[in-house]
């Protein structure tokens, strides 16, 4: 694992790491109730393109992609 540094407050020790597990669902537009899951072969749905891991500084609360914190550590 690469070292992290918060680009905002320069914290190097305390972080929250959030691994994302996206779930694609279909919702009823009137009630918001979940109707079902979106199949990976569904031509009308785009696949999730967000970051697999997010990091939050446990001191100042800055939230961002893991690369942001790794690059800040490399610049120090």
PDB file of N, CA and C in Angstrom:
ATOM      1  N   UNK A   1       0.848  -1.184   0.000  1.00  0.00           N
ATOM      2  CA  UNK A   1       0.000   0.000   0.000  1.00  0.00           C
ATOM      3  C   UNK A   1       0.891   1.244   0.000  1.00  0.00           C
ATOM      4  N   UNK A   2       0.560   2.185  -0.833  1.00  0.00           N
ATOM      5  CA  UNK A   2       1.327   3.429  -0.922  1.00  0.00           C
ATOM      6  C   UNK A   2       1.001   4.350   0.249  1.00  0.00           C
ATOM      7  N   UNK A   3       1.959   5.189   0.662  1.00  0.00           N
ATOM      8  CA  UNK A   3       1.668   6.156   1.719  1.00  0.00           C
ATOM      9  C   UNK A   3       0.709   7.236   1.218  1.00  0.00           C
ATOM     10  N   UNK A   4      -0.080   7.775   2.140  1.00  0.00           N
ATOM     11  CA  UNK A   4      -1.023   8.855   1.848  1.00  0.00           C
ATOM     12  C   UNK A   4      -0.579  10.117   2.572  1.00  0.00           C
ATOM     13  N   UNK A   5      -0.927  11.255   2.007  1.00  0.00           N
ATOM     14  CA  UNK A   5      -0.845  12.550   2.676  1.00  0.00           C
ATOM     15  C   UNK A   5      -2.086  13.325   2.279  1.00  0.00           C
ATOM     16  N   UNK A   6      -2.735  13.958   3.233  1.00  0.00           N
ATOM     17  CA  UNK A   6      -3.897  14.786   2.918  1.00  0.00           C
ATOM     18  C   UNK A   6      -3.402  16.066   2.245  1.00  0.00           C
ATOM     19  N   UNK A   7      -3.899  16.374   1.039  1.00  0.00           N
ATOM     20  CA  UNK A   7      -3.448  17.593   0.364  1.00  0.00           C
ATOM     21  C   UNK A   7      -3.927  18.872   1.035  1.00  0.00           C
ATOM     22  N   UNK A   8      -4.895  18.758   1.939  1.00  0.00           N
ATOM     23  CA  UNK A   8      -5.441  19.939   2.603  1.00  0.00           C
ATOM     24  C   UNK A   8      -4.723  20.250   3.918  1.00  0.00           C
ATOM     25  N   UNK A   9      -4.655  19.253   4.810  1.00  0.00           N
ATOM     26  CA  UNK A   9      -4.102  19.522   6.151  1.00  0.00           C
ATOM     27  C   UNK A   9      -2.747  18.855   6.400  1.00  0.00           C
ATOM     28  N   UNK A  10      -2.239  18.093   5.422  1.00  0.00           N
ATOM     29  CA  UNK A  10      -0.935  17.415   5.485  1.00  0.00           C
ATOM     30  C   UNK A  10      -0.890  16.250   6.476  1.00  0.00           C
ATOM     31  N   UNK A  11      -2.052  15.763   6.920  1.00  0.00           N
ATOM     32  CA  UNK A  11      -2.120  14.574   7.765  1.00  0.00           C
ATOM     33  C   UNK A  11      -1.496  13.400   7.018  1.00  0.00           C
ATOM     34  N   UNK A  12      -0.726  12.576   7.733  1.00  0.00           N
ATOM     35  CA  UNK A  12      -0.087  11.413   7.115  1.00  0.00           C
ATOM     36  C   UNK A  12      -0.452  10.106   7.806  1.00  0.00           C
ATOM     37  N   UNK A  13      -1.328  10.150   8.816  1.00  0.00           N
ATOM     38  CA  UNK A  13      -1.560   8.942   9.609  1.00  0.00           C
ATOM     39  C   UNK A  13      -3.002   8.462   9.688  1.00  0.00           C
ATOM     40  N   UNK A  14      -3.982   9.339   9.703  1.00  0.00           N
ATOM     41  CA  UNK A  14      -5.354   8.931  10.003  1.00  0.00           C
ATOM     42  C   UNK A  14      -6.271   9.145   8.798  1.00  0.00           C
ATOM     43  N   UNK A  15      -6.777   8.024   8.263  1.00  0.00           N
ATOM     44  CA  UNK A  15      -7.623   8.075   7.070  1.00  0.00           C
ATOM     45  C   UNK A  15      -8.753   7.054   7.173  1.00  0.00           C
ATOM     46  N   UNK A  16      -9.843   7.329   6.471  1.00  0.00           N
ATOM     47  CA  UNK A  16     -10.922   6.365   6.272  1.00  0.00           C
ATOM     48  C   UNK A  16     -10.796   5.887   4.829  1.00  0.00           C
ATOM     49  N   UNK A  17     -10.729   4.569   4.629  1.00  0.00           N
ATOM     50  CA  UNK A  17     -10.651   3.998   3.283  1.00  0.00           C
ATOM     51  C   UNK A  17     -11.984   3.337   2.983  1.00  0.00           C
ATOM     52  N   UNK A  18     -12.594   3.754   1.874  1.00  0.00           N
ATOM     53  CA  UNK A  18     -13.915   3.249   1.508  1.00  0.00           C
ATOM     54  C   UNK A  18     -13.819   2.512   0.178  1.00  0.00           C
ATOM     55  N   UNK A  19     -13.892   1.190   0.225  1.00  0.00           N
ATOM     56  CA  UNK A  19     -13.925   0.386  -0.992  1.00  0.00           C
ATOM     57  C   UNK A  19     -15.361   0.355  -1.481  1.00  0.00           C
ATOM     58  N   UNK A  20     -15.560   0.734  -2.728  1.00  0.00           N
ATOM     59  CA  UNK A  20     -16.912   0.843  -3.267  1.00  0.00           C
ATOM     60  C   UNK A  20     -17.345  -0.471  -3.908  1.00  0.00           C
ATOM     61  N   UNK A  21     -18.569  -0.865  -3.627  1.00  0.00           N
ATOM     62  CA  UNK A  21     -19.193  -2.037  -4.224  1.00  0.00           C
ATOM     63  C   UNK A  21     -20.492  -1.581  -4.872  1.00  0.00           C
ATOM     64  N   UNK A  22     -20.435  -0.988  -6.056  1.00  0.00           N
ATOM     65  CA  UNK A  22     -21.643  -0.452  -6.681  1.00  0.00           C
ATOM     66  C   UNK A  22     -22.630  -1.556  -7.058  1.00  0.00           C
ATOM     67  N   UNK A  23     -23.907  -1.251  -6.874  1.00  0.00           N
ATOM     68  CA  UNK A  23     -24.992  -2.157  -7.243  1.00  0.00           C
ATOM     69  C   UNK A  23     -25.916  -1.387  -8.174  1.00  0.00           C
ATOM     70  N   UNK A  24     -26.160  -1.924  -9.364  1.00  0.00           N
ATOM     71  CA  UNK A  24     -27.030  -1.268 -10.338  1.00  0.00           C
ATOM     72  C   UNK A  24     -28.460  -1.748 -10.127  1.00  0.00           C
ATOM     73  N   UNK A  25     -29.371  -0.789  -9.911  1.00  0.00           N
ATOM     74  CA  UNK A  25     -30.764  -1.141  -9.614  1.00  0.00           C
ATOM     75  C   UNK A  25     -31.725  -0.344 -10.485  1.00  0.00           C
ATOM     76  N   UNK A  26     -32.938  -0.865 -10.608  1.00  0.00           N
ATOM     77  CA  UNK A  26     -34.036  -0.155 -11.271  1.00  0.00           C
ATOM     78  C   UNK A  26     -34.980   0.315 -10.173  1.00  0.00           C
ATOM     79  N   UNK A  27     -35.390   1.602 -10.235  1.00  0.00           N
ATOM     80  CA  UNK A  27     -36.285   2.172  -9.232  1.00  0.00           C
ATOM     81  C   UNK A  27     -37.599   2.590  -9.871  1.00  0.00           C
ATOM     82  N   UNK A  28     -38.682   2.480  -9.096  1.00  0.00           N
ATOM     83  CA  UNK A  28     -39.976   3.005  -9.517  1.00  0.00           C
ATOM     84  C   UNK A  28     -39.869   4.524  -9.458  1.00  0.00           C
ATOM     85  N   UNK A  29     -40.132   5.240 -10.574  1.00  0.00           N
ATOM     86  CA  UNK A  29     -39.942   6.696 -10.574  1.00  0.00           C
ATOM     87  C   UNK A  29     -40.898   7.454  -9.661  1.00  0.00           C
ATOM     88  N   UNK A  30     -42.061   6.883  -9.355  1.00  0.00           N
ATOM     89  CA  UNK A  30     -43.017   7.571  -8.483  1.00  0.00           C
ATOM     90  C   UNK A  30     -42.731   7.334  -7.000  1.00  0.00           C
ATOM     91  N   UNK A  31     -42.397   6.098  -6.634  1.00  0.00           N
ATOM     92  CA  UNK A  31     -42.248   5.765  -5.218  1.00  0.00           C
ATOM     93  C   UNK A  31     -40.795   5.651  -4.762  1.00  0.00           C
ATOM     94  N   UNK A  32     -39.881   5.459  -5.701  1.00  0.00           N
ATOM     95  CA  UNK A  32     -38.485   5.252  -5.335  1.00  0.00           C
ATOM     96  C   UNK A  32     -38.196   3.828  -4.896  1.00  0.00           C
ATOM     97  N   UNK A  33     -39.207   2.965  -4.913  1.00  0.00           N
ATOM     98  CA  UNK A  33     -39.035   1.571  -4.506  1.00  0.00           C
ATOM     99  C   UNK A  33     -38.178   0.827  -5.533  1.00  0.00           C
ATOM    100  N   UNK A  34     -37.321  -0.052  -5.044  1.00  0.00           N
ATOM    101  CA  UNK A  34     -36.482  -0.829  -5.941  1.00  0.00           C
ATOM    102  C   UNK A  34     -37.321  -1.891  -6.648  1.00  0.00           C
ATOM    103  N   UNK A  35     -37.251  -1.898  -7.974  1.00  0.00           N
ATOM    104  CA  UNK A  35     -37.993  -2.867  -8.778  1.00  0.00           C
ATOM    105  C   UNK A  35     -37.141  -4.106  -9.019  1.00  0.00           C
ATOM    106  N   UNK A  36     -35.857  -3.915  -9.231  1.00  0.00           N
ATOM    107  CA  UNK A  36     -34.961  -5.038  -9.499  1.00  0.00           C
ATOM    108  C   UNK A  36     -33.551  -4.557  -9.755  1.00  0.00           C
ATOM    109  N   UNK A  37     -32.722  -5.501 -10.109  1.00  0.00           N
ATOM    110  CA  UNK A  37     -31.320  -5.207 -10.399  1.00  0.00           C
ATOM    111  C   UNK A  37     -31.122  -5.090 -11.902  1.00  0.00           C
ATOM    112  N   UNK A  38     -30.163  -4.283 -12.318  1.00  0.00           N
ATOM    113  CA  UNK A  38     -29.842  -4.133 -13.732  1.00  0.00           C
ATOM    114  C   UNK A  38     -28.803  -5.187 -14.098  1.00  0.00           C
ATOM    115  N   UNK A  39     -29.111  -5.962 -15.109  1.00  0.00           N
ATOM    116  CA  UNK A  39     -28.215  -7.002 -15.603  1.00  0.00           C
ATOM    117  C   UNK A  39     -27.034  -6.353 -16.330  1.00  0.00           C
ATOM    118  N   UNK A  40     -25.880  -6.966 -16.252  1.00  0.00           N
ATOM    119  CA  UNK A  40     -24.679  -6.428 -16.905  1.00  0.00           C
ATOM    120  C   UNK A  40     -24.824  -6.370 -18.424  1.00  0.00           C
ATOM    121  N   UNK A  41     -25.746  -7.154 -18.982  1.00  0.00           N
ATOM    122  CA  UNK A  41     -25.943  -7.156 -20.435  1.00  0.00           C
ATOM    123  C   UNK A  41     -26.999  -6.152 -20.882  1.00  0.00           C
ATOM    124  N   UNK A  42     -27.586  -5.398 -19.968  1.00  0.00           N
ATOM    125  CA  UNK A  42     -28.624  -4.413 -20.302  1.00  0.00           C
ATOM    126  C   UNK A  42     -28.014  -3.311 -21.167  1.00  0.00           C
ATOM    127  N   UNK A  43     -28.511  -3.177 -22.385  1.00  0.00           N
ATOM    128  CA  UNK A  43     -27.963  -2.204 -23.334  1.00  0.00           C
ATOM    129  C   UNK A  43     -28.305  -0.754 -22.963  1.00  0.00           C
ATOM    130  N   UNK A  44     -29.304  -0.535 -22.114  1.00  0.00           N
ATOM    131  CA  UNK A  44     -29.738   0.815 -21.755  1.00  0.00           C
ATOM    132  C   UNK A  44     -28.972   1.387 -20.561  1.00  0.00           C
ATOM    133  N   UNK A  45     -28.137   0.593 -19.935  1.00  0.00           N
ATOM    134  CA  UNK A  45     -27.446   1.047 -18.726  1.00  0.00           C
ATOM    135  C   UNK A  45     -25.943   1.141 -18.972  1.00  0.00           C
ATOM    136  N   UNK A  46     -25.353   2.246 -18.558  1.00  0.00           N
ATOM    137  CA  UNK A  46     -23.906   2.426 -18.618  1.00  0.00           C
ATOM    138  C   UNK A  46     -23.272   1.723 -17.419  1.00  0.00           C
ATOM    139  N   UNK A  47     -22.128   1.095 -17.585  1.00  0.00           N
ATOM    140  CA  UNK A  47     -21.458   0.489 -16.431  1.00  0.00           C
ATOM    141  C   UNK A  47     -20.907   1.574 -15.504  1.00  0.00           C
ATOM    142  N   UNK A  48     -20.748   1.233 -14.231  1.00  0.00           N
ATOM    143  CA  UNK A  48     -20.192   2.160 -13.251  1.00  0.00           C
ATOM    144  C   UNK A  48     -18.762   2.504 -13.641  1.00  0.00           C
ATOM    145  N   UNK A  49     -18.438   3.791 -13.663  1.00  0.00           N
ATOM    146  CA  UNK A  49     -17.105   4.235 -14.074  1.00  0.00           C
ATOM    147  C   UNK A  49     -16.387   5.012 -12.974  1.00  0.00           C
ATOM    148  N   UNK A  50     -16.926   4.991 -11.778  1.00  0.00           N
ATOM    149  CA  UNK A  50     -16.312   5.735 -10.682  1.00  0.00           C
ATOM    150  C   UNK A  50     -15.105   5.018 -10.097  1.00  0.00           C
ATOM    151  N   UNK A  51     -14.522   5.636  -9.108  1.00  0.00           N
ATOM    152  CA  UNK A  51     -13.336   5.086  -8.458  1.00  0.00           C
ATOM    153  C   UNK A  51     -13.697   3.856  -7.629  1.00  0.00           C
ATOM    154  N   UNK A  52     -12.797   2.874  -7.609  1.00  0.00           N
ATOM    155  CA  UNK A  52     -13.014   1.664  -6.823  1.00  0.00           C
ATOM    156  C   UNK A  52     -12.768   1.930  -5.336  1.00  0.00           C
ATOM    157  N   UNK A  53     -11.887   2.886  -5.041  1.00  0.00           N
ATOM    158  CA  UNK A  53     -11.556   3.181  -3.642  1.00  0.00           C
ATOM    159  C   UNK A  53     -11.533   4.686  -3.432  1.00  0.00           C
ATOM    160  N   UNK A  54     -12.220   5.131  -2.397  1.00  0.00           N
ATOM    161  CA  UNK A  54     -12.185   6.530  -1.983  1.00  0.00           C
ATOM    162  C   UNK A  54     -11.476   6.622  -0.646  1.00  0.00           C
ATOM    163  N   UNK A  55     -10.870   7.767  -0.390  1.00  0.00           N
ATOM    164  CA  UNK A  55     -10.161   8.007   0.864  1.00  0.00           C
ATOM    165  C   UNK A  55     -10.696   9.295   1.467  1.00  0.00           C
ATOM    166  N   UNK A  56     -10.882   9.287   2.785  1.00  0.00           N
ATOM    167  CA  UNK A  56     -11.279  10.496   3.506  1.00  0.00           C
ATOM    168  C   UNK A  56     -10.274  10.739   4.615  1.00  0.00           C
ATOM    169  N   UNK A  57      -9.801  11.973   4.723  1.00  0.00           N
ATOM    170  CA  UNK A  57      -8.906  12.348   5.817  1.00  0.00           C
ATOM    171  C   UNK A  57      -9.712  12.318   7.111  1.00  0.00           C
ATOM    172  N   UNK A  58      -9.211  11.610   8.104  1.00  0.00           N
ATOM    173  CA  UNK A  58      -9.922  11.499   9.378  1.00  0.00           C
ATOM    174  C   UNK A  58      -9.736  12.741  10.246  1.00  0.00           C
ATOM    175  N   UNK A  59      -8.891  13.692   9.826  1.00  0.00           N
ATOM    176  CA  UNK A  59      -8.704  14.919  10.597  1.00  0.00           C
ATOM    177  C   UNK A  59      -9.533  16.075  10.049  1.00  0.00           C
ATOM    178  N   UNK A  60      -9.390  16.366   8.752  1.00  0.00           N
ATOM    179  CA  UNK A  60     -10.103  17.529   8.198  1.00  0.00           C
ATOM    180  C   UNK A  60     -11.347  17.144   7.394  1.00  0.00           C
ATOM    181  N   UNK A  61     -11.494  15.859   7.036  1.00  0.00           N
ATOM    182  CA  UNK A  61     -12.689  15.407   6.331  1.00  0.00           C
ATOM    183  C   UNK A  61     -12.617  15.488   4.815  1.00  0.00           C
ATOM    184  N   UNK A  62     -11.480  15.885   4.247  1.00  0.00           N
ATOM    185  CA  UNK A  62     -11.359  15.947   2.788  1.00  0.00           C
ATOM    186  C   UNK A  62     -11.587  14.562   2.198  1.00  0.00           C
ATOM    187  N   UNK A  63     -12.416  14.498   1.164  1.00  0.00           N
ATOM    188  CA  UNK A  63     -12.804  13.255   0.510  1.00  0.00           C
ATOM    189  C   UNK A  63     -12.288  13.267  -0.916  1.00  0.00           C
ATOM    190  N   UNK A  64     -11.750  12.154  -1.401  1.00  0.00           N
ATOM    191  CA  UNK A  64     -11.316  12.110  -2.790  1.00  0.00           C
ATOM    192  C   UNK A  64     -10.838  10.738  -3.195  1.00  0.00           C
ATOM    193  N   UNK A  65     -10.462  10.627  -4.442  1.00  0.00           N
ATOM    194  CA  UNK A  65      -9.921   9.378  -4.952  1.00  0.00           C
ATOM    195  C   UNK A  65      -8.573   9.075  -4.323  1.00  0.00           C
ATOM    196  N   UNK A  66      -8.241   7.803  -4.293  1.00  0.00           N
ATOM    197  CA  UNK A  66      -6.991   7.368  -3.673  1.00  0.00           C
ATOM    198  C   UNK A  66      -5.774   8.034  -4.320  1.00  0.00           C
ATOM    199  N   UNK A  67      -5.808   8.236  -5.634  1.00  0.00           N
ATOM    200  CA  UNK A  67      -4.673   8.836  -6.346  1.00  0.00           C
ATOM    201  C   UNK A  67      -4.353  10.241  -5.835  1.00  0.00           C
ATOM    202  N   UNK A  68      -5.364  10.991  -5.424  1.00  0.00           N
ATOM    203  CA  UNK A  68      -5.161  12.341  -4.891  1.00  0.00           C
ATOM    204  C   UNK A  68      -4.252  12.315  -3.661  1.00  0.00           C
ATOM    205  N   UNK A  69      -4.488  11.361  -2.763  1.00  0.00           N
ATOM    206  CA  UNK A  69      -3.726  11.259  -1.523  1.00  0.00           C
ATOM    207  C   UNK A  69      -2.334  10.669  -1.768  1.00  0.00           C
ATOM    208  N   UNK A  70      -2.227   9.751  -2.718  1.00  0.00           N
ATOM    209  CA  UNK A  70      -0.921   9.175  -3.058  1.00  0.00           C
ATOM    210  C   UNK A  70      -0.028  10.230  -3.704  1.00  0.00           C
ATOM    211  N   UNK A  71      -0.575  11.004  -4.630  1.00  0.00           N
ATOM    212  CA  UNK A  71       0.215  12.050  -5.296  1.00  0.00           C
ATOM    213  C   UNK A  71       0.658  13.123  -4.314  1.00  0.00           C
ATOM    214  N   UNK A  72      -0.194  13.447  -3.340  1.00  0.00           N
ATOM    215  CA  UNK A  72       0.189  14.431  -2.323  1.00  0.00           C
ATOM    216  C   UNK A  72       1.365  13.912  -1.505  1.00  0.00           C
ATOM    217  N   UNK A  73       1.387  12.609  -1.211  1.00  0.00           N
ATOM    218  CA  UNK A  73       2.500  12.018  -0.457  1.00  0.00           C
ATOM    219  C   UNK A  73       3.782  12.023  -1.283  1.00  0.00           C
ATOM    220  N   UNK A  74       3.671  11.802  -2.584  1.00  0.00           N
ATOM    221  CA  UNK A  74       4.853  11.793  -3.450  1.00  0.00           C
ATOM    222  C   UNK A  74       5.471  13.179  -3.587  1.00  0.00           C
ATOM    223  N   UNK A  75       4.646  14.222  -3.486  1.00  0.00           N
ATOM    224  CA  UNK A  75       5.150  15.598  -3.592  1.00  0.00           C
ATOM    225  C   UNK A  75       5.861  16.060  -2.327  1.00  0.00           C
ATOM    226  N   UNK A  76       5.631  15.399  -1.224  1.00  0.00           N
ATOM    227  CA  UNK A  76       6.226  15.831   0.053  1.00  0.00           C
ATOM    228  C   UNK A  76       7.681  15.421   0.145  1.00  0.00           C
TER     229      UNK A  76
END
